[in-house]
C-alpha atoms as a PDB file:
ATOM      1  CA  MET A   1      -0.005   0.069  -0.279  1.00  0.00           C
ATOM      2  CA  PHE A   2       1.235   3.506  -0.635  1.00  0.00           C
ATOM      3  CA  PRO A   3       0.446   6.767   1.116  1.00  0.00           C
ATOM      4  CA  ARG A   4      -2.323   8.132   0.770  1.00  0.00           C
ATOM      5  CA  ALA A   5      -2.895  11.298  -1.279  1.00  0.00           C
ATOM      6  CA  SER A   6      -5.078  12.996   1.145  1.00  0.00           C
ATOM      7  CA  LEU A   7      -5.808  13.088   4.730  1.00  0.00           C
ATOM      8  CA  PRO A   8      -9.401  10.659   5.555  1.00  0.00           C
ATOM      9  CA  SER A   9     -12.132  12.648   5.746  1.00  0.00           C
ATOM     10  CA  ALA A  10     -14.606  13.437   8.586  1.00  0.00           C
ATOM     11  CA  GLU A  11     -16.623  10.446   7.659  1.00  0.00           C
ATOM     12  CA  GLU A  12     -14.018   7.878   7.454  1.00  0.00           C
ATOM     13  CA  LEU A  13     -12.955   9.263  10.809  1.00  0.00           C
ATOM     14  CA  LEU A  14     -16.505   8.511  11.904  1.00  0.00           C
ATOM     15  CA  GLU A  15     -15.983   5.133  10.879  1.00  0.00           C
ATOM     16  CA  VAL A  16     -13.125   4.265  12.589  1.00  0.00           C
ATOM     17  CA  LEU A  17     -14.686   5.675  15.653  1.00  0.00           C
ATOM     18  CA  GLY A  18     -17.740   3.247  15.380  1.00  0.00           C
ATOM     19  CA  ASP A  19     -15.500   0.191  14.672  1.00  0.00           C
ATOM     20  CA  LEU A  20     -13.342   1.117  17.522  1.00  0.00           C
ATOM     21  CA  LEU A  21     -16.544   1.172  19.779  1.00  0.00           C
ATOM     22  CA  ILE A  22     -17.553  -2.098  18.508  1.00  0.00           C
ATOM     23  CA  ALA A  23     -14.114  -3.584  18.861  1.00  0.00           C
ATOM     24  CA  VAL A  24     -14.300  -2.536  22.806  1.00  0.00           C
ATOM     25  CA  GLN A  25     -17.070  -5.096  23.533  1.00  0.00           C
ATOM     26  CA  GLU A  26     -15.585  -7.875  21.279  1.00  0.00           C
ATOM     27  CA  PRO A  27     -11.636  -7.703  21.001  1.00  0.00           C
ATOM     28  CA  GLY A  28     -12.021 -10.081  17.852  1.00  0.00           C
ATOM     29  CA  LEU A  29     -12.890  -7.416  16.052  1.00  0.00           C
ATOM     30  CA  TRP A  30      -9.948  -5.252  16.778  1.00  0.00           C
ATOM     31  CA  PRO A  31      -8.241  -6.509  13.164  1.00  0.00           C
ATOM     32  CA  ALA A  32     -11.150  -4.711  11.273  1.00  0.00           C
ATOM     33  CA  ALA A  33     -10.793  -1.463  13.419  1.00  0.00           C
ATOM     34  CA  LEU A  34      -7.232  -1.444  12.578  1.00  0.00           C
ATOM     35  CA  SER A  35      -7.530  -2.366   9.081  1.00  0.00           C
ATOM     36  CA  ARG A  36      -9.631   0.838   8.562  1.00  0.00           C
ATOM     37  CA  ILE A  37      -7.041   2.618  10.534  1.00  0.00           C
ATOM     38  CA  ALA A  38      -4.354   1.288   8.077  1.00  0.00           C
ATOM     39  CA  ASP A  39      -6.285   2.487   5.154  1.00  0.00           C
ATOM     40  CA  CYS A  40      -6.314   6.031   6.812  1.00  0.00           C
ATOM     41  CA  LEU A  41      -2.795   6.392   7.215  1.00  0.00           C
ATOM     42  CA  GLY A  42      -1.582   4.631   4.061  1.00  0.00           C
ATOM     43  CA  CYS A  43       0.118   1.895   5.513  1.00  0.00           C
ATOM     44  CA  GLN A  44      -0.164  -2.078   5.593  1.00  0.00           C
ATOM     45  CA  GLN A  45       0.187  -2.918   9.081  1.00  0.00           C
ATOM     46  CA  VAL A  46      -0.955  -1.081  12.073  1.00  0.00           C
ATOM     47  CA  MET A  47       0.009  -2.898  15.845  1.00  0.00           C
ATOM     48  CA  ILE A  48      -0.825  -2.076  19.290  1.00  0.00           C
ATOM     49  CA  LEU A  49       1.880  -3.492  21.735  1.00  0.00           C
ATOM     50  CA  ARG A  50       2.035  -3.580  25.471  1.00  0.00           C
ATOM     51  CA  GLY A  51       5.443  -3.452  27.624  1.00  0.00           C
ATOM     52  CA  ASP A  52       8.953  -1.456  27.149  1.00  0.00           C
ATOM     53  CA  GLY A  53      12.273  -2.893  26.768  1.00  0.00           C
ATOM     54  CA  ASN A  54      13.606  -4.735  23.767  1.00  0.00           C
ATOM     55  CA  ARG A  55      10.732  -7.028  23.577  1.00  0.00           C
ATOM     56  CA  ARG A  56       6.891  -6.554  23.870  1.00  0.00           C
ATOM     57  CA  ALA A  57       3.596  -8.076  23.558  1.00  0.00           C
ATOM     58  CA  VAL A  58       1.762  -7.633  20.103  1.00  0.00           C
ATOM     59  CA  LEU A  59      -1.903  -7.146  21.586  1.00  0.00           C
ATOM     60  CA  ALA A  60      -3.561  -6.528  18.525  1.00  0.00           C
ATOM     61  CA  THR A  61      -2.957  -6.175  14.686  1.00  0.00           C
ATOM     62  CA  ASN A  62      -4.846  -5.683  11.459  1.00  0.00           C
ATOM     63  CA  SER A  63      -3.836  -9.263  10.553  1.00  0.00           C
ATOM     64  CA  LEU A  64      -3.622 -11.022  13.988  1.00  0.00           C
ATOM     65  CA  ASP A  65      -6.235 -13.738  14.412  1.00  0.00           C
ATOM     66  CA  PRO A  66      -9.460 -13.116  16.270  1.00  0.00           C
ATOM     67  CA  THR A  67      -9.106 -15.515  18.596  1.00  0.00           C
ATOM     68  CA  ALA A  68      -5.519 -14.731  19.297  1.00  0.00           C
ATOM     69  CA  ILE A  69      -6.682 -11.068  20.434  1.00  0.00           C
ATOM     70  CA  ARG A  70      -9.377 -12.426  22.406  1.00  0.00           C
ATOM     71  CA  LYS A  71      -6.738 -14.305  24.553  1.00  0.00           C
ATOM     72  CA  LEU A  72      -4.567 -11.743  24.864  1.00  0.00           C
ATOM     73  CA  ALA A  73      -7.190  -9.211  25.978  1.00  0.00           C
ATOM     74  CA  GLY A  74      -7.708  -9.031  29.858  1.00  0.00           C
ATOM     75  CA  ARG A  75      -4.442 -10.492  30.647  1.00  0.00           C
ATOM     76  CA  ARG A  76      -2.324  -9.219  33.418  1.00  0.00           C
ATOM     77  CA  SER A  77       0.950 -10.684  32.077  1.00  0.00           C
ATOM     78  CA  ASP A  78       2.999 -11.075  29.043  1.00  0.00           C
ATOM     79  CA  PRO A  79       4.412 -14.560  28.901  1.00  0.00           C
ATOM     80  CA  ASP A  80       5.303 -14.667  25.323  1.00  0.00           C
ATOM     81  CA  ALA A  81       6.237 -11.052  24.619  1.00  0.00           C
ATOM     82  CA  THR A  82       7.087 -11.295  20.584  1.00  0.00           C
ATOM     83  CA  TRP A  83       8.057  -7.959  19.403  1.00  0.00           C
ATOM     84  CA  PRO A  84      11.567  -6.449  19.634  1.00  0.00           C
ATOM     85  CA  ALA A  85      12.366  -2.558  19.302  1.00  0.00           C
ATOM     86  CA  CYS A  86      10.757  -0.543  16.852  1.00  0.00           C
ATOM     87  CA  PRO A  87      12.466  -1.600  13.287  1.00  0.00           C
ATOM     88  CA  PRO A  88      13.870   1.513  10.908  1.00  0.00           C
ATOM     89  CA  GLU A  89      10.974   1.362   8.611  1.00  0.00           C
ATOM     90  CA  HIS A  90       8.726   1.339  10.986  1.00  0.00           C
ATOM     91  CA  ARG A  91       7.198   4.731  13.298  1.00  0.00           C
ATOM     92  CA  GLU A  92       6.279   4.038  16.862  1.00  0.00           C
ATOM     93  CA  PHE A  93       4.118   6.275  18.850  1.00  0.00           C
ATOM     94  CA  SER A  94       3.454   6.308  22.629  1.00  0.00           C
ATOM     95  CA  LEU A  95      -0.661   5.465  23.478  1.00  0.00           C
ATOM     96  CA  PRO A  96      -1.099   7.940  26.721  1.00  0.00           C
ATOM     97  CA  GLY A  97      -2.100   6.761  30.058  1.00  0.00           C
ATOM     98  CA  GLU A  98      -0.843   3.487  31.975  1.00  0.00           C
ATOM     99  CA  GLY A  99       0.447   0.306  30.795  1.00  0.00           C
ATOM    100  CA  HIS A 100       3.060   0.886  28.415  1.00  0.00           C
ATOM    101  CA  LEU A 101       0.808   0.838  25.129  1.00  0.00           C
ATOM    102  CA  SER A 102       2.390   2.096  21.842  1.00  0.00           C
ATOM    103  CA  LEU A 103       1.174   2.137  18.259  1.00  0.00           C
ATOM    104  CA  LEU A 104       3.522   0.925  15.554  1.00  0.00           C
ATOM    105  CA  ILE A 105       2.902   1.301  11.742  1.00  0.00           C
ATOM    106  CA  ASP A 106       4.874   0.160   8.890  1.00  0.00           C
ATOM    107  CA  ARG A 107       5.239   3.633   7.369  1.00  0.00           C
ATOM    108  CA  ALA A 108       8.361   5.957   8.239  1.00  0.00           C
ATOM    109  CA  ASP A 109       7.745   8.699   5.704  1.00  0.00           C
ATOM    110  CA  LEU A 110       5.322  10.576   7.299  1.00  0.00           C
ATOM    111  CA  ASP A 111       4.094  13.883   6.325  1.00  0.00           C
ATOM    112  CA  ALA A 112       3.436  16.905   9.075  1.00  0.00           C
ATOM    113  CA  GLU A 113      -0.421  16.392   8.766  1.00  0.00           C
ATOM    114  CA  THR A 114      -0.285  12.775   9.126  1.00  0.00           C
ATOM    115  CA  PHE A 115       2.060  12.832  11.989  1.00  0.00           C
ATOM    116  CA  VAL A 116      -0.585  15.256  13.692  1.00  0.00           C
ATOM    117  CA  LEU A 117      -3.612  12.753  12.972  1.00  0.00           C
ATOM    118  CA  ILE A 118      -1.877   9.921  14.401  1.00  0.00           C
ATOM    119  CA  GLU A 119      -0.917  11.935  17.491  1.00  0.00           C
ATOM    120  CA  ARG A 120      -4.604  13.108  17.973  1.00  0.00           C
ATOM    121  CA  MET A 121      -5.717   9.468  17.577  1.00  0.00           C
ATOM    122  CA  ALA A 122      -3.272   8.179  19.793  1.00  0.00           C
ATOM    123  CA  PRO A 123      -5.296   9.128  22.966  1.00  0.00           C
ATOM    124  CA  LEU A 124      -8.623   7.435  21.543  1.00  0.00           C
ATOM    125  CA  LEU A 125      -6.513   4.258  20.687  1.00  0.00           C
ATOM    126  CA  GLY A 126      -5.040   3.915  24.145  1.00  0.00           C
ATOM    127  CA  ARG A 127      -8.670   4.503  25.969  1.00  0.00           C
ATOM    128  CA  ALA A 128     -10.102   2.018  23.551  1.00  0.00           C
ATOM    129  CA  TRP A 129      -7.689  -0.962  24.230  1.00  0.00           C
ATOM    130  CA  ARG A 130      -7.437   0.037  27.923  1.00  0.00           C
ATOM    131  CA  LEU A 131     -11.510  -0.270  28.051  1.00  0.00           C
ATOM    132  CA  THR A 132     -11.268  -3.585  25.993  1.00  0.00           C
ATOM    133  CA  ASP A 133      -8.772  -5.109  28.434  1.00  0.00           C
ATOM    134  CA  ALA A 134     -11.002  -4.011  31.632  1.00  0.00           C
ATOM    135  CA  LEU A 135     -14.143  -5.314  30.317  1.00  0.00           C
ATOM    136  CA  ALA A 136     -12.056  -9.033  29.066  1.00  0.00           C
ATOM    137  CA  ALA A 137     -10.728  -8.824  32.657  1.00  0.00           C
ATOM    138  CA  SER A 138     -14.089  -8.567  33.858  1.00  0.00           C
ATOM    139  CA  GLU A 139     -15.505 -11.237  31.940  1.00  0.00           C
ATOM    140  CA  ARG A 140     -12.398 -13.720  32.945  1.00  0.00           C
ATOM    141  CA  ARG A 141     -13.314 -12.721  36.812  1.00  0.00           C
ATOM    142  CA  GLN A 142     -16.886 -13.956  36.100  1.00  0.00           C
ATOM    143  CA  SER A 143     -16.147 -16.961  34.648  1.00  0.00           C
ATOM    144  CA  TRP A 144     -14.474 -18.523  37.435  1.00  0.00           C
ATOM    145  CA  GLY A 145     -17.532 -17.204  39.652  1.00  0.00           C
ATOM    146  CA  PRO A 146     -19.549 -19.962  41.803  1.00  0.00           C
ATOM    147  CA  ARG A 147     -22.450 -20.100  38.961  1.00  0.00           C
ATOM    148  CA  VAL A 148     -19.667 -21.442  36.697  1.00  0.00           C
ATOM    149  CA  LEU A 149     -17.891 -23.712  39.157  1.00  0.00           C
ATOM    150  CA  GLU A 150     -20.844 -25.299  41.084  1.00  0.00           C
ATOM    151  CA  PRO A 151     -22.325 -27.324  38.319  1.00  0.00           C
ATOM    152  CA  LEU A 152     -18.731 -29.083  37.616  1.00  0.00           C
ATOM    153  CA  ALA A 153     -18.469 -32.838  38.792  1.00  0.00           C
ATOM    154  CA  THR A 154     -14.426 -32.218  39.058  1.00  0.00           C
ATOM    155  CA  GLY A 155     -13.830 -30.540  42.859  1.00  0.00           C
ATOM    156  CA  ILE A 156     -12.325 -27.334  42.264  1.00  0.00           C
ATOM    157  CA  LEU A 157     -10.015 -25.188  44.898  1.00  0.00           C
ATOM    158  CA  ILE A 158      -8.890 -21.669  43.808  1.00  0.00           C
ATOM    159  CA  LEU A 159      -5.875 -20.969  46.158  1.00  0.00           C
ATOM    160  CA  GLY A 160      -3.985 -17.708  46.550  1.00  0.00           C
ATOM    161  CA  ARG A 161      -0.627 -17.509  48.420  1.00  0.00           C
ATOM    162  CA  ASP A 162       0.148 -19.406  51.590  1.00  0.00           C
ATOM    163  CA  GLY A 163      -2.789 -21.918  50.692  1.00  0.00           C
ATOM    164  CA  ILE A 164      -5.938 -19.283  51.097  1.00  0.00           C
ATOM    165  CA  VAL A 165      -8.977 -20.998  49.579  1.00  0.00           C
ATOM    166  CA  LEU A 166     -10.617 -17.904  47.826  1.00  0.00           C
ATOM    167  CA  GLN A 167     -13.164 -20.166  45.935  1.00  0.00           C
ATOM    168  CA  SER A 168     -14.169 -23.933  46.285  1.00  0.00           C
ATOM    169  CA  ASN A 169     -17.345 -25.677  44.777  1.00  0.00           C
ATOM    170  CA  ALA A 170     -19.638 -28.078  46.110  1.00  0.00           C
ATOM    171  CA  ALA A 171     -17.821 -31.410  44.560  1.00  0.00           C
ATOM    172  CA  ALA A 172     -14.548 -29.836  46.232  1.00  0.00           C
ATOM    173  CA  ASN A 173     -16.526 -29.871  49.737  1.00  0.00           C
ATOM    174  CA  ARG A 174     -17.979 -33.190  49.122  1.00  0.00           C
ATOM    175  CA  GLN A 175     -14.838 -34.728  48.315  1.00  0.00           C
ATOM    176  CA  LEU A 176     -12.516 -33.358  51.262  1.00  0.00           C
ATOM    177  CA  ALA A 177     -15.270 -34.791  53.350  1.00  0.00           C
ATOM    178  CA  THR A 178     -14.443 -38.092  52.198  1.00  0.00           C
ATOM    179  CA  GLN A 179     -10.603 -38.109  53.369  1.00  0.00           C
ATOM    180  CA  SER A 180      -8.646 -36.935  56.020  1.00  0.00           C
ATOM    181  CA  GLU A 181      -5.410 -36.006  54.597  1.00  0.00           C
ATOM    182  CA  LEU A 182      -6.303 -32.603  53.157  1.00  0.00           C
ATOM    183  CA  ARG A 183      -8.158 -29.964  55.156  1.00  0.00           C
ATOM    184  CA  ILE A 184      -9.357 -26.400  55.206  1.00  0.00           C
ATOM    185  CA  GLU A 185      -8.209 -24.994  58.298  1.00  0.00           C
ATOM    186  CA  ASP A 186      -8.651 -20.938  59.261  1.00  0.00           C
ATOM    187  CA  GLY A 187      -9.715 -20.680  55.189  1.00  0.00           C
ATOM    188  CA  LYS A 188      -6.350 -22.268  54.042  1.00  0.00           C
ATOM    189  CA  LEU A 189      -5.638 -25.558  52.303  1.00  0.00           C
ATOM    190  CA  ARG A 190      -3.494 -27.742  54.814  1.00  0.00           C
ATOM    191  CA  GLY A 191      -1.975 -31.107  54.672  1.00  0.00           C
ATOM    192  CA  ALA A 192      -2.473 -33.573  57.576  1.00  0.00           C
ATOM    193  CA  GLY A 193       0.873 -34.839  57.572  1.00  0.00           C
ATOM    194  CA  GLN A 194       4.231 -32.808  57.815  1.00  0.00           C
ATOM    195  CA  ALA A 195       5.295 -33.882  54.469  1.00  0.00           C
ATOM    196  CA  LEU A 196       2.552 -33.146  52.269  1.00  0.00           C
ATOM    197  CA  ASP A 197       1.946 -29.661  54.191  1.00  0.00           C
ATOM    198  CA  ARG A 198       5.478 -28.888  53.277  1.00  0.00           C
ATOM    199  CA  SER A 199       5.050 -29.886  49.759  1.00  0.00           C
ATOM    200  CA  LEU A 200       1.907 -27.585  49.396  1.00  0.00           C
ATOM    201  CA  ALA A 201       3.582 -25.039  50.779  1.00  0.00           C
ATOM    202  CA  ALA A 202       6.510 -25.305  48.551  1.00  0.00           C
ATOM    203  CA  LEU A 203       3.733 -24.751  45.710  1.00  0.00           C
ATOM    204  CA  LEU A 204       1.927 -21.813  46.844  1.00  0.00           C
ATOM    205  CA  THR A 205       4.858 -19.436  48.104  1.00  0.00           C
ATOM    206  CA  ALA A 206       6.578 -16.662  45.973  1.00  0.00           C
ATOM    207  CA  ASP A 207       9.623 -18.475  45.471  1.00  0.00           C
ATOM    208  CA  ALA A 208       7.979 -21.622  43.886  1.00  0.00           C
ATOM    209  CA  ARG A 209      10.102 -23.568  41.636  1.00  0.00           C
ATOM    210  CA  LEU A 210       8.438 -22.730  38.273  1.00  0.00           C
ATOM    211  CA  ASP A 211       9.265 -24.738  34.993  1.00  0.00           C
ATOM    212  CA  GLU A 212      10.031 -22.893  31.884  1.00  0.00           C
ATOM    213  CA  ARG A 213       6.423 -22.350  31.232  1.00  0.00           C
ATOM    214  CA  ARG A 214       6.180 -20.570  34.512  1.00  0.00           C
ATOM    215  CA  VAL A 215       3.986 -23.565  35.909  1.00  0.00           C
ATOM    216  CA  ALA A 216       4.791 -26.264  38.691  1.00  0.00           C
ATOM    217  CA  THR A 217       2.377 -29.197  39.017  1.00  0.00           C
ATOM    218  CA  GLU A 218       2.145 -32.044  41.576  1.00  0.00           C
ATOM    219  CA  SER A 219      -0.306 -34.759  41.402  1.00  0.00           C
ATOM    220  CA  ILE A 220      -0.940 -36.090  44.948  1.00  0.00           C
ATOM    221  CA  LEU A 221      -2.730 -39.533  45.289  1.00  0.00           C
ATOM    222  CA  ILE A 222      -5.025 -39.277  48.644  1.00  0.00           C
ATOM    223  CA  SER A 223      -6.455 -42.516  50.235  1.00  0.00           C
ATOM    224  CA  ARG A 224      -9.816 -42.737  51.396  1.00  0.00           C
ATOM    225  CA  GLY A 225      -9.725 -45.868  53.630  1.00  0.00           C
ATOM    226  CA  GLY A 226     -11.740 -48.765  52.103  1.00  0.00           C
ATOM    227  CA  GLU A 227     -12.880 -46.294  48.975  1.00  0.00           C
ATOM    228  CA  SER A 228     -10.581 -45.871  45.759  1.00  0.00           C
ATOM    229  CA  SER A 229      -7.946 -43.093  46.176  1.00  0.00           C
ATOM    230  CA  LEU A 230      -8.935 -39.629  45.407  1.00  0.00           C
ATOM    231  CA  GLU A 231      -6.521 -37.364  43.145  1.00  0.00           C
ATOM    232  CA  ALA A 232      -5.548 -34.060  43.986  1.00  0.00           C
ATOM    233  CA  LEU A 233      -4.126 -32.359  40.810  1.00  0.00           C
ATOM    234  CA  VAL A 234      -2.225 -28.853  42.032  1.00  0.00           C
ATOM    235  CA  VAL A 235      -1.262 -26.758  39.402  1.00  0.00           C
ATOM    236  CA  ALA A 236       0.582 -23.371  40.531  1.00  0.00           C
ATOM    237  CA  SER A 237       1.061 -20.437  37.994  1.00  0.00           C
ATOM    238  CA  PRO A 238       1.234 -16.683  38.291  1.00  0.00           C
ATOM    239  CA  LEU A 239      -0.577 -16.703  34.788  1.00  0.00           C
ATOM    240  CA  PHE A 240      -3.868 -17.635  36.714  1.00  0.00           C
ATOM    241  CA  ALA A 241      -4.007 -14.191  37.933  1.00  0.00           C
ATOM    242  CA  ASP A 242      -5.324 -13.180  34.547  1.00  0.00           C
ATOM    243  CA  ALA A 243      -8.593 -14.765  35.657  1.00  0.00           C
ATOM    244  CA  LEU A 244      -8.702 -14.120  39.326  1.00  0.00           C
ATOM    245  CA  PRO A 245      -5.921 -11.312  40.594  1.00  0.00           C
ATOM    246  CA  ALA A 246      -5.201 -12.981  43.725  1.00  0.00           C
ATOM    247  CA  SER A 247      -5.243 -16.734  42.762  1.00  0.00           C
ATOM    248  CA  ILE A 248      -1.846 -18.567  41.811  1.00  0.00           C
ATOM    249  CA  ALA A 249      -2.898 -22.134  41.887  1.00  0.00           C
ATOM    250  CA  VAL A 250      -5.978 -24.356  41.028  1.00  0.00           C
ATOM    251  CA  VAL A 251      -6.521 -27.972  43.076  1.00  0.00           C
ATOM    252  CA  LEU A 252      -8.250 -30.264  41.022  1.00  0.00           C
ATOM    253  CA  LEU A 253      -9.882 -32.790  43.241  1.00  0.00           C
ATOM    254  CA  PHE A 254     -11.329 -35.849  41.740  1.00  0.00           C
ATOM    255  CA  ASP A 255     -11.679 -39.916  41.376  1.00  0.00           C
ATOM    256  CA  PRO A 256      -9.515 -41.121  38.642  1.00  0.00           C
ATOM    257  CA  ARG A 257     -12.144 -43.987  38.176  1.00  0.00           C
ATOM    258  CA  GLU A 258     -15.207 -41.560  37.878  1.00  0.00           C
ATOM    259  CA  ASP A 259     -15.202 -39.967  34.169  1.00  0.00           C
ATOM    260  CA  ALA A 260     -17.876 -37.788  35.456  1.00  0.00           C
ATOM    261  CA  GLU A 261     -15.465 -36.293  37.422  1.00  0.00           C
ATOM    262  CA  ASN A 262     -12.215 -36.544  35.915  1.00  0.00           C
ATOM    263  CA  PRO A 263     -11.137 -33.261  34.292  1.00  0.00           C
ATOM    264  CA  ALA A 264      -9.852 -34.381  30.885  1.00  0.00           C
ATOM    265  CA  VAL A 265     -13.270 -36.281  30.157  1.00  0.00           C
ATOM    266  CA  ALA A 266     -15.062 -33.050  31.035  1.00  0.00           C
ATOM    267  CA  LEU A 267     -12.925 -31.079  28.463  1.00  0.00           C
ATOM    268  CA  ALA A 268     -13.152 -34.002  26.089  1.00  0.00           C
ATOM    269  CA  ALA A 269     -17.189 -34.155  25.913  1.00  0.00           C
ATOM    270  CA  ARG A 270     -17.201 -30.239  26.041  1.00  0.00           C
ATOM    271  CA  HIS A 271     -14.853 -30.115  23.113  1.00  0.00           C
ATOM    272  CA  ASP A 272     -15.605 -33.437  21.103  1.00  0.00           C
ATOM    273  CA  LEU A 273     -12.192 -34.945  21.395  1.00  0.00           C
ATOM    274  CA  SER A 274     -11.594 -38.784  20.708  1.00  0.00           C
ATOM    275  CA  PHE A 275     -10.556 -41.401  22.992  1.00  0.00           C
ATOM    276  CA  GLU A 276      -6.959 -40.564  22.283  1.00  0.00           C
ATOM    277  CA  GLN A 277      -6.960 -36.873  22.148  1.00  0.00           C
ATOM    278  CA  THR A 278      -8.737 -37.573  26.001  1.00  0.00           C
ATOM    279  CA  GLN A 279      -5.558 -39.373  27.242  1.00  0.00           C
ATOM    280  CA  VAL A 280      -3.053 -36.835  25.631  1.00  0.00           C
ATOM    281  CA  VAL A 281      -5.217 -34.036  27.499  1.00  0.00           C
ATOM    282  CA  GLY A 282      -4.853 -36.075  30.655  1.00  0.00           C
ATOM    283  CA  HIS A 283      -1.220 -36.125  30.799  1.00  0.00           C
ATOM    284  CA  LEU A 284      -1.139 -32.662  29.613  1.00  0.00           C
ATOM    285  CA  LEU A 285      -3.237 -31.376  32.729  1.00  0.00           C
ATOM    286  CA  ARG A 286      -0.557 -33.229  34.752  1.00  0.00           C
ATOM    287  CA  GLY A 287       2.159 -31.136  33.215  1.00  0.00           C
ATOM    288  CA  GLN A 288       3.626 -33.877  31.651  1.00  0.00           C
ATOM    289  CA  SER A 289       5.976 -33.184  28.348  1.00  0.00           C
ATOM    290  CA  ILE A 290       5.455 -34.791  24.736  1.00  0.00           C
ATOM    291  CA  PRO A 291       8.092 -37.468  25.728  1.00  0.00           C
ATOM    292  CA  GLU A 292       6.797 -38.361  28.816  1.00  0.00           C
ATOM    293  CA  THR A 293       3.391 -38.612  27.554  1.00  0.00           C
ATOM    294  CA  ALA A 294       4.766 -40.882  24.621  1.00  0.00           C
ATOM    295  CA  ALA A 295       6.267 -43.032  27.089  1.00  0.00           C
ATOM    296  CA  ARG A 296       3.242 -43.542  29.342  1.00  0.00           C
ATOM    297  CA  LEU A 297       1.451 -44.147  26.249  1.00  0.00           C
ATOM    298  CA  GLY A 298       3.855 -46.430  24.660  1.00  0.00           C
ATOM    299  CA  VAL A 299       3.496 -44.761  21.420  1.00  0.00           C
ATOM    300  CA  PRO A 300       6.371 -42.609  19.199  1.00  0.00           C
ATOM    301  CA  THR A 301       6.761 -39.120  20.467  1.00  0.00           C
ATOM    302  CA  GLU A 302       5.470 -38.411  16.640  1.00  0.00           C
ATOM    303  CA  VAL A 303       2.226 -39.829  17.486  1.00  0.00           C
ATOM    304  CA  ILE A 304       1.908 -37.348  20.339  1.00  0.00           C
ATOM    305  CA  SER A 305       3.080 -34.452  18.244  1.00  0.00           C
ATOM    306  CA  SER A 306      -0.218 -35.048  15.530  1.00  0.00           C
ATOM    307  CA  CYS A 307      -2.654 -35.672  18.335  1.00  0.00           C
ATOM    308  CA  LEU A 308      -1.483 -31.911  19.711  1.00  0.00           C
ATOM    309  CA  GLY A 309      -2.576 -30.506  16.566  1.00  0.00           C
ATOM    310  CA  GLY A 310      -5.735 -31.789  16.286  1.00  0.00           C
ATOM    311  CA  ILE A 311      -6.084 -31.045  20.043  1.00  0.00           C
ATOM    312  CA  TYR A 312      -5.354 -27.239  19.253  1.00  0.00           C
ATOM    313  CA  ARG A 313      -7.472 -27.283  16.438  1.00  0.00           C
ATOM    314  CA  GLN A 314     -10.446 -28.321  18.541  1.00  0.00           C
ATOM    315  CA  VAL A 315      -9.650 -26.802  21.813  1.00  0.00           C
ATOM    316  CA  GLY A 316      -7.561 -23.918  21.044  1.00  0.00           C
ATOM    317  CA  THR A 317      -4.671 -24.621  22.937  1.00  0.00           C
ATOM    318  CA  THR A 318      -2.403 -27.404  24.348  1.00  0.00           C
ATOM    319  CA  ARG A 319      -0.968 -25.141  27.227  1.00  0.00           C
ATOM    320  CA  GLN A 320      -1.575 -27.180  30.905  1.00  0.00           C
ATOM    321  CA  VAL A 321      -2.819 -23.536  32.339  1.00  0.00           C
ATOM    322  CA  GLU A 322      -4.913 -22.823  29.612  1.00  0.00           C
ATOM    323  CA  LEU A 323      -6.484 -26.468  29.759  1.00  0.00           C
ATOM    324  CA  VAL A 324      -7.253 -25.746  33.288  1.00  0.00           C
ATOM    325  CA  LYS A 325      -8.493 -22.240  32.521  1.00  0.00           C
ATOM    326  CA  LEU A 326     -10.841 -23.658  29.852  1.00  0.00           C
ATOM    327  CA  LEU A 327     -12.182 -26.309  32.482  1.00  0.00           C
ATOM    328  CA  LEU A 328     -12.757 -23.703  34.948  1.00  0.00           C
ATOM    329  CA  SER A 329     -14.570 -21.410  32.410  1.00  0.00           C
ATOM    330  CA  GLY A 330     -17.065 -23.831  31.158  1.00  0.00           C
ATOM    331  CA  ALA A 331     -16.246 -22.092  27.862  1.00  0.00           C
ATOM    332  CA  ARG A 332     -16.545 -24.375  24.439  1.00  0.00           C
ATOM    333  CA  LYS A 333     -14.154 -23.331  21.825  1.00  0.00           C
ATOM    334  CA  SER A 334     -15.013 -20.242  19.889  1.00  0.00           C
ATOM    335  CA  PRO A 335     -16.779 -20.179  16.488  1.00  0.00           C
ATOM    336  CA  ALA A 336     -13.754 -19.676  13.676  1.00  0.00           C
ATOM    337  CA  GLY A 337     -12.810 -16.220  12.860  1.00  0.00           C
END
């Protein structure tokens, strides 16, 4: 695309404003709004970035997949920052307000009028994205509310620092009542024995040892006397704060023999996964790598890699934390586009 011969008309600017108002309510429509801005500025690519330093997160572009933008909106951390410092053929403009937002366009040869236009648009773009972010964050918090968690057959405990129980559903309370190794005491999840209590404490402290994916996982089998054992799957990660700001860990409490309680089976039913995909999801939830999963299932790693491709297309992610979030949100996969 070549630079425009003239500035956009008042009608075109009103259309930009209308697109931004719609995008605020539906983050997946930001590409359309940014495409119209790209037309107005005579460039091919428009990006909104967050962060400073050498690498920033790309929040929205006129070419980014709408599903990806929906996932980024409302997040409080950017573990996958994807853009380096501004290339020489681009121009970058700071968007006023908090959060280190900036506008990047792939056009450096700006005339004075276009420069002034961008300077005037910058505050509007910054406010529009921050409002998008705030609404999306609110929806994430609501998606973990009691009305969503209560119907789940899997026991759910959402924990803050030092094991503070932020939320629990009826299934978790029922499961806890059938055993004596885990208990809620003074509003905190505690292990009855010193070894279990120390293990939980190590997962739920600020200096917890996280892997390269910023996750720590522990699977604990809990005896219930003569009954079958329960599994307490503890997944700790700062990424859970995207949905509930104080949360640092989720405990999935279930009887592995009961399909209705098994979180992998619940996700499989929700997203129409095959039996083989369900097995892989079960291992992913436990934080196991592709080679570990392949070894457990007795198949080549290539088979697991191929299976993950199908899971990504149907569920939208192959990441452990995102799988747990999907389970807790009760969300079905988004329609394409």
